[in-house]
PDB file of N, CA and C in Angstrom:
ATOM      1  N   MET A   1     225.615 197.851  -3.490  1.00  0.00           N
ATOM      2  CA  MET A   1     224.178 197.936  -3.636  1.00  0.00           C
ATOM      3  C   MET A   1     223.798 198.733  -4.888  1.00  0.00           C
ATOM      4  N   ASP A   2     224.541 199.776  -5.128  1.00  0.00           N
ATOM      5  CA  ASP A   2     224.247 200.624  -6.280  1.00  0.00           C
ATOM      6  C   ASP A   2     224.429 199.844  -7.586  1.00  0.00           C
ATOM      7  N   LYS A   3     225.486 199.044  -7.625  1.00  0.00           N
ATOM      8  CA  LYS A   3     225.769 198.258  -8.823  1.00  0.00           C
ATOM      9  C   LYS A   3     224.676 197.208  -9.051  1.00  0.00           C
ATOM     10  N   ILE A   4     224.183 196.613  -7.984  1.00  0.00           N
ATOM     11  CA  ILE A   4     223.120 195.606  -8.081  1.00  0.00           C
ATOM     12  C   ILE A   4     221.852 196.242  -8.643  1.00  0.00           C
ATOM     13  N   GLU A   5     221.527 197.432  -8.182  1.00  0.00           N
ATOM     14  CA  GLU A   5     220.334 198.124  -8.667  1.00  0.00           C
ATOM     15  C   GLU A   5     220.467 198.479 -10.149  1.00  0.00           C
ATOM     16  N   LYS A   6     221.647 198.854 -10.579  1.00  0.00           N
ATOM     17  CA  LYS A   6     221.870 199.162 -11.996  1.00  0.00           C
ATOM     18  C   LYS A   6     221.681 197.908 -12.851  1.00  0.00           C
ATOM     19  N   ILE A   7     222.240 196.793 -12.386  1.00  0.00           N
ATOM     20  CA  ILE A   7     222.100 195.533 -13.123  1.00  0.00           C
ATOM     21  C   ILE A   7     220.637 195.119 -13.175  1.00  0.00           C
ATOM     22  N   ARG A   8     219.958 195.221 -12.044  1.00  0.00           N
ATOM     23  CA  ARG A   8     218.544 194.851 -11.972  1.00  0.00           C
ATOM     24  C   ARG A   8     217.713 195.733 -12.918  1.00  0.00           C
ATOM     25  N   GLY A   9     217.995 197.015 -12.931  1.00  0.00           N
ATOM     26  CA  GLY A   9     217.279 197.936 -13.818  1.00  0.00           C
ATOM     27  C   GLY A   9     217.535 197.617 -15.281  1.00  0.00           C
ATOM     28  N   ALA A  10     218.792 197.281 -15.613  1.00  0.00           N
ATOM     29  CA  ALA A  10     219.124 196.943 -16.997  1.00  0.00           C
ATOM     30  C   ALA A  10     218.405 195.669 -17.426  1.00  0.00           C
ATOM     31  N   ARG A  11     218.337 194.676 -16.543  1.00  0.00           N
ATOM     32  CA  ARG A  11     217.635 193.427 -16.861  1.00  0.00           C
ATOM     33  C   ARG A  11     216.151 193.685 -17.085  1.00  0.00           C
ATOM     34  N   GLN A  12     215.577 194.523 -16.231  1.00  0.00           N
ATOM     35  CA  GLN A  12     214.157 194.846 -16.389  1.00  0.00           C
ATOM     36  C   GLN A  12     213.905 195.548 -17.716  1.00  0.00           C
ATOM     37  N   ASP A  13     214.783 196.452 -18.078  1.00  0.00           N
ATOM     38  CA  ASP A  13     214.636 197.170 -19.348  1.00  0.00           C
ATOM     39  C   ASP A  13     214.734 196.217 -20.539  1.00  0.00           C
ATOM     40  N   ARG A  14     215.712 195.305 -20.502  1.00  0.00           N
ATOM     41  CA  ARG A  14     215.862 194.326 -21.587  1.00  0.00           C
ATOM     42  C   ARG A  14     214.635 193.430 -21.683  1.00  0.00           C
ATOM     43  N   PHE A  15     214.151 192.972 -20.536  1.00  0.00           N
ATOM     44  CA  PHE A  15     212.975 192.110 -20.524  1.00  0.00           C
ATOM     45  C   PHE A  15     211.775 192.836 -21.135  1.00  0.00           C
ATOM     46  N   TYR A  16     211.577 194.087 -20.759  1.00  0.00           N
ATOM     47  CA  TYR A  16     210.467 194.873 -21.282  1.00  0.00           C
ATOM     48  C   TYR A  16     210.586 195.048 -22.792  1.00  0.00           C
ATOM     49  N   GLU A  17     211.772 195.371 -23.265  1.00  0.00           N
ATOM     50  CA  GLU A  17     211.984 195.567 -24.700  1.00  0.00           C
ATOM     51  C   GLU A  17     211.697 194.285 -25.482  1.00  0.00           C
ATOM     52  N   GLN A  18     212.153 193.153 -24.975  1.00  0.00           N
ATOM     53  CA  GLN A  18     211.903 191.879 -25.657  1.00  0.00           C
ATOM     54  C   GLN A  18     210.413 191.560 -25.678  1.00  0.00           C
ATOM     55  N   ARG A  19     209.750 191.830 -24.570  1.00  0.00           N
ATOM     56  CA  ARG A  19     208.311 191.569 -24.500  1.00  0.00           C
ATOM     57  C   ARG A  19     207.554 192.450 -25.486  1.00  0.00           C
ATOM     58  N   MET A  20     207.958 193.687 -25.600  1.00  0.00           N
ATOM     59  CA  MET A  20     207.289 194.608 -26.509  1.00  0.00           C
ATOM     60  C   MET A  20     207.556 194.246 -27.969  1.00  0.00           C
ATOM     61  N   GLN A  21     208.730 193.705 -28.282  1.00  0.00           N
ATOM     62  CA  GLN A  21     209.011 193.278 -29.651  1.00  0.00           C
ATOM     63  C   GLN A  21     208.079 192.140 -30.044  1.00  0.00           C
ATOM     64  N   ARG A  22     207.891 191.174 -29.150  1.00  0.00           N
ATOM     65  CA  ARG A  22     206.976 190.065 -29.436  1.00  0.00           C
ATOM     66  C   ARG A  22     205.549 190.571 -29.582  1.00  0.00           C
ATOM     67  N   ALA A  23     205.160 191.476 -28.699  1.00  0.00           N
ATOM     68  CA  ALA A  23     203.805 192.020 -28.753  1.00  0.00           C
ATOM     69  C   ALA A  23     203.587 192.786 -30.053  1.00  0.00           C
ATOM     70  N   LYS A  24     204.617 193.482 -30.505  1.00  0.00           N
ATOM     71  CA  LYS A  24     204.507 194.262 -31.740  1.00  0.00           C
ATOM     72  C   LYS A  24     204.274 193.347 -32.943  1.00  0.00           C
ATOM     73  N   SER A  25     205.005 192.239 -33.013  1.00  0.00           N
ATOM     74  CA  SER A  25     204.827 191.316 -34.135  1.00  0.00           C
ATOM     75  C   SER A  25     203.471 190.623 -34.058  1.00  0.00           C
ATOM     76  N   GLN A  26     203.026 190.287 -32.853  1.00  0.00           N
ATOM     77  CA  GLN A  26     201.716 189.661 -32.700  1.00  0.00           C
ATOM     78  C   GLN A  26     200.608 190.633 -33.077  1.00  0.00           C
ATOM     79  N   GLN A  27     200.766 191.894 -32.708  1.00  0.00           N
ATOM     80  CA  GLN A  27     199.767 192.900 -33.051  1.00  0.00           C
ATOM     81  C   GLN A  27     199.710 193.112 -34.561  1.00  0.00           C
ATOM     82  N   ALA A  28     200.860 193.105 -35.212  1.00  0.00           N
ATOM     83  CA  ALA A  28     200.895 193.264 -36.667  1.00  0.00           C
ATOM     84  C   ALA A  28     200.185 192.098 -37.344  1.00  0.00           C
ATOM     85  N   ALA A  29     200.385 190.882 -36.846  1.00  0.00           N
ATOM     86  CA  ALA A  29     199.716 189.713 -37.418  1.00  0.00           C
ATOM     87  C   ALA A  29     198.210 189.808 -37.207  1.00  0.00           C
ATOM     88  N   ALA A  30     197.795 190.237 -36.031  1.00  0.00           N
ATOM     89  CA  ALA A  30     196.369 190.379 -35.749  1.00  0.00           C
ATOM     90  C   ALA A  30     195.752 191.462 -36.628  1.00  0.00           C
ATOM     91  N   ASP A  31     196.471 192.563 -36.824  1.00  0.00           N
ATOM     92  CA  ASP A  31     195.976 193.640 -37.683  1.00  0.00           C
ATOM     93  C   ASP A  31     195.830 193.168 -39.124  1.00  0.00           C
ATOM     94  N   ARG A  32     196.808 192.396 -39.594  1.00  0.00           N
ATOM     95  CA  ARG A  32     196.767 191.872 -40.962  1.00  0.00           C
ATOM     96  C   ARG A  32     195.558 190.950 -41.139  1.00  0.00           C
ATOM     97  N   LYS A  33     195.312 190.094 -40.156  1.00  0.00           N
ATOM     98  CA  LYS A  33     194.187 189.163 -40.226  1.00  0.00           C
ATOM     99  C   LYS A  33     192.861 189.925 -40.233  1.00  0.00           C
ATOM    100  N   GLN A  34     192.759 190.944 -39.384  1.00  0.00           N
ATOM    101  CA  GLN A  34     191.541 191.736 -39.332  1.00  0.00           C
ATOM    102  C   GLN A  34     191.309 192.468 -40.653  1.00  0.00           C
ATOM    103  N   LEU A  35     192.366 192.980 -41.250  1.00  0.00           N
ATOM    104  CA  LEU A  35     192.246 193.675 -42.526  1.00  0.00           C
ATOM    105  C   LEU A  35     191.746 192.732 -43.610  1.00  0.00           C
ATOM    106  N   GLU A  36     192.260 191.501 -43.629  1.00  0.00           N
ATOM    107  CA  GLU A  36     191.815 190.525 -44.621  1.00  0.00           C
ATOM    108  C   GLU A  36     190.338 190.198 -44.436  1.00  0.00           C
ATOM    109  N   GLN A  37     189.882 190.140 -43.191  1.00  0.00           N
ATOM    110  CA  GLN A  37     188.489 189.803 -42.921  1.00  0.00           C
ATOM    111  C   GLN A  37     187.551 190.968 -43.221  1.00  0.00           C
ATOM    112  N   GLU A  38     188.029 192.198 -43.053  1.00  0.00           N
ATOM    113  CA  GLU A  38     187.155 193.360 -43.196  1.00  0.00           C
ATOM    114  C   GLU A  38     187.573 194.269 -44.348  1.00  0.00           C
ATOM    115  N   ILE A  39     188.106 193.673 -45.408  1.00  0.00           N
ATOM    116  CA  ILE A  39     188.584 194.460 -46.548  1.00  0.00           C
ATOM    117  C   ILE A  39     187.438 195.214 -47.215  1.00  0.00           C
ATOM    118  N   HIS A  40     186.229 194.686 -47.119  1.00  0.00           N
ATOM    119  CA  HIS A  40     185.093 195.357 -47.749  1.00  0.00           C
ATOM    120  C   HIS A  40     184.842 196.735 -47.133  1.00  0.00           C
ATOM    121  N   LEU A  41     185.282 196.957 -45.925  1.00  0.00           N
ATOM    122  CA  LEU A  41     185.115 198.262 -45.296  1.00  0.00           C
ATOM    123  C   LEU A  41     186.170 199.258 -45.757  1.00  0.00           C
ATOM    124  N   VAL A  42     187.263 198.745 -46.312  1.00  0.00           N
ATOM    125  CA  VAL A  42     188.381 199.593 -46.696  1.00  0.00           C
ATOM    126  C   VAL A  42     188.312 199.994 -48.162  1.00  0.00           C
ATOM    127  N   LYS A  43     187.657 199.201 -48.993  1.00  0.00           N
ATOM    128  CA  LYS A  43     187.619 199.479 -50.426  1.00  0.00           C
ATOM    129  C   LYS A  43     186.995 200.841 -50.708  1.00  0.00           C
ATOM    130  N   ALA A  44     187.489 201.466 -51.739  1.00  0.00           N
ATOM    131  CA  ALA A  44     186.992 202.781 -52.134  1.00  0.00           C
ATOM    132  C   ALA A  44     185.568 202.664 -52.674  1.00  0.00           C
ATOM    133  N   PRO A  45     184.731 203.655 -52.423  1.00  0.00           N
ATOM    134  CA  PRO A  45     183.356 203.612 -52.924  1.00  0.00           C
ATOM    135  C   PRO A  45     183.288 203.496 -54.442  1.00  0.00           C
ATOM    136  N   GLY A  46     184.217 204.110 -55.141  1.00  0.00           N
ATOM    137  CA  GLY A  46     184.238 204.024 -56.603  1.00  0.00           C
ATOM    138  C   GLY A  46     184.471 202.604 -57.072  1.00  0.00           C
ATOM    139  N   ALA A  47     185.338 201.892 -56.391  1.00  0.00           N
ATOM    140  CA  ALA A  47     185.619 200.502 -56.750  1.00  0.00           C
ATOM    141  C   ALA A  47     184.395 199.637 -56.496  1.00  0.00           C
ATOM    142  N   LEU A  48     183.697 199.904 -55.408  1.00  0.00           N
ATOM    143  CA  LEU A  48     182.486 199.137 -55.109  1.00  0.00           C
ATOM    144  C   LEU A  48     181.408 199.408 -56.152  1.00  0.00           C
ATOM    145  N   ALA A  49     181.298 200.660 -56.606  1.00  0.00           N
ATOM    146  CA  ALA A  49     180.307 201.001 -57.619  1.00  0.00           C
ATOM    147  C   ALA A  49     180.610 200.269 -58.920  1.00  0.00           C
ATOM    148  N   LYS A  50     181.882 200.178 -59.287  1.00  0.00           N
ATOM    149  CA  LYS A  50     182.262 199.462 -60.508  1.00  0.00           C
ATOM    150  C   LYS A  50     181.904 197.985 -60.401  1.00  0.00           C
ATOM    151  N   GLU A  51     182.145 197.395 -59.235  1.00  0.00           N
ATOM    152  CA  GLU A  51     181.815 195.982 -59.050  1.00  0.00           C
ATOM    153  C   GLU A  51     180.312 195.762 -59.184  1.00  0.00           C
ATOM    154  N   LYS A  52     179.521 196.653 -58.587  1.00  0.00           N
ATOM    155  CA  LYS A  52     178.067 196.528 -58.682  1.00  0.00           C
ATOM    156  C   LYS A  52     177.617 196.681 -60.131  1.00  0.00           C
ATOM    157  N   GLU A  53     178.233 197.620 -60.827  1.00  0.00           N
ATOM    158  CA  GLU A  53     177.891 197.862 -62.227  1.00  0.00           C
ATOM    159  C   GLU A  53     178.181 196.619 -63.066  1.00  0.00           C
ATOM    160  N   GLU A  54     179.317 195.990 -62.824  1.00  0.00           N
ATOM    161  CA  GLU A  54     179.674 194.777 -63.560  1.00  0.00           C
ATOM    162  C   GLU A  54     178.687 193.651 -63.259  1.00  0.00           C
ATOM    163  N   LYS A  55     178.285 193.529 -62.009  1.00  0.00           N
ATOM    164  CA  LYS A  55     177.319 192.497 -61.637  1.00  0.00           C
ATOM    165  C   LYS A  55     175.982 192.749 -62.328  1.00  0.00           C
ATOM    166  N   LEU A  56     175.586 194.027 -62.405  1.00  0.00           N
ATOM    167  CA  LEU A  56     174.331 194.359 -63.065  1.00  0.00           C
ATOM    168  C   LEU A  56     174.394 194.024 -64.548  1.00  0.00           C
ATOM    169  N   LYS A  57     175.524 194.306 -65.187  1.00  0.00           N
ATOM    170  CA  LYS A  57     175.675 193.995 -66.607  1.00  0.00           C
ATOM    171  C   LYS A  57     175.527 192.504 -66.841  1.00  0.00           C
ATOM    172  N   VAL A  58     176.142 191.710 -65.990  1.00  0.00           N
ATOM    173  CA  VAL A  58     176.062 190.258 -66.129  1.00  0.00           C
ATOM    174  C   VAL A  58     174.628 189.798 -65.922  1.00  0.00           C
ATOM    175  N   ALA A  59     173.953 190.356 -64.928  1.00  0.00           N
ATOM    176  CA  ALA A  59     172.576 189.965 -64.651  1.00  0.00           C
ATOM    177  C   ALA A  59     171.663 190.345 -65.815  1.00  0.00           C
ATOM    178  N   VAL A  60     171.855 191.526 -66.379  1.00  0.00           N
ATOM    179  CA  VAL A  60     171.036 191.978 -67.505  1.00  0.00           C
ATOM    180  C   VAL A  60     171.281 191.090 -68.717  1.00  0.00           C
ATOM    181  N   GLU A  61     172.527 190.745 -68.965  1.00  0.00           N
ATOM    182  CA  GLU A  61     172.843 189.880 -70.101  1.00  0.00           C
ATOM    183  C   GLU A  61     172.200 188.510 -69.936  1.00  0.00           C
ATOM    184  N   GLU A  62     172.208 187.987 -68.725  1.00  0.00           N
ATOM    185  CA  GLU A  62     171.583 186.687 -68.480  1.00  0.00           C
ATOM    186  C   GLU A  62     170.077 186.766 -68.697  1.00  0.00           C
ATOM    187  N   ASP A  63     169.464 187.863 -68.235  1.00  0.00           N
ATOM    188  CA  ASP A  63     168.026 188.039 -68.426  1.00  0.00           C
ATOM    189  C   ASP A  63     167.679 188.127 -69.912  1.00  0.00           C
ATOM    190  N   GLN A  64     168.503 188.834 -70.672  1.00  0.00           N
ATOM    191  CA  GLN A  64     168.250 188.969 -72.099  1.00  0.00           C
ATOM    192  C   GLN A  64     168.383 187.623 -72.801  1.00  0.00           C
ATOM    193  N   GLU A  65     169.341 186.829 -72.397  1.00  0.00           N
ATOM    194  CA  GLU A  65     169.520 185.505 -72.998  1.00  0.00           C
ATOM    195  C   GLU A  65     168.322 184.611 -72.697  1.00  0.00           C
ATOM    196  N   GLU A  66     167.808 184.702 -71.484  1.00  0.00           N
ATOM    197  CA  GLU A  66     166.648 183.892 -71.115  1.00  0.00           C
ATOM    198  C   GLU A  66     165.422 184.318 -71.915  1.00  0.00           C
ATOM    199  N   MET A  67     165.264 185.616 -72.169  1.00  0.00           N
ATOM    200  CA  MET A  67     164.118 186.104 -72.916  1.00  0.00           C
ATOM    201  C   MET A  67     164.192 185.677 -74.376  1.00  0.00           C
ATOM    202  N   GLN A  68     165.385 185.583 -74.927  1.00  0.00           N
ATOM    203  CA  GLN A  68     165.543 185.191 -76.317  1.00  0.00           C
ATOM    204  C   GLN A  68     165.228 183.717 -76.507  1.00  0.00           C
ATOM    205  N   GLU A  69     165.404 182.933 -75.493  1.00  0.00           N
ATOM    206  CA  GLU A  69     165.149 181.487 -75.619  1.00  0.00           C
ATOM    207  C   GLU A  69     163.716 181.172 -75.530  1.00  0.00           C
TER     208      GLU A  69
END
């Protein structure tokens, strides 16, 4: 009986470990997907300011070109 319980316990442990390995890879994939979707929340404020500044420069240049025409 003791040997059966040891075998049963070992099988349960192996099953749990395998299940957790699959869950770990699935969680990593889900985290990666979420990061790709919400990257705007992760970007540094300085980088966002530079992007806005570049957009403003382009908009100002377009306005100036329209005024010259």
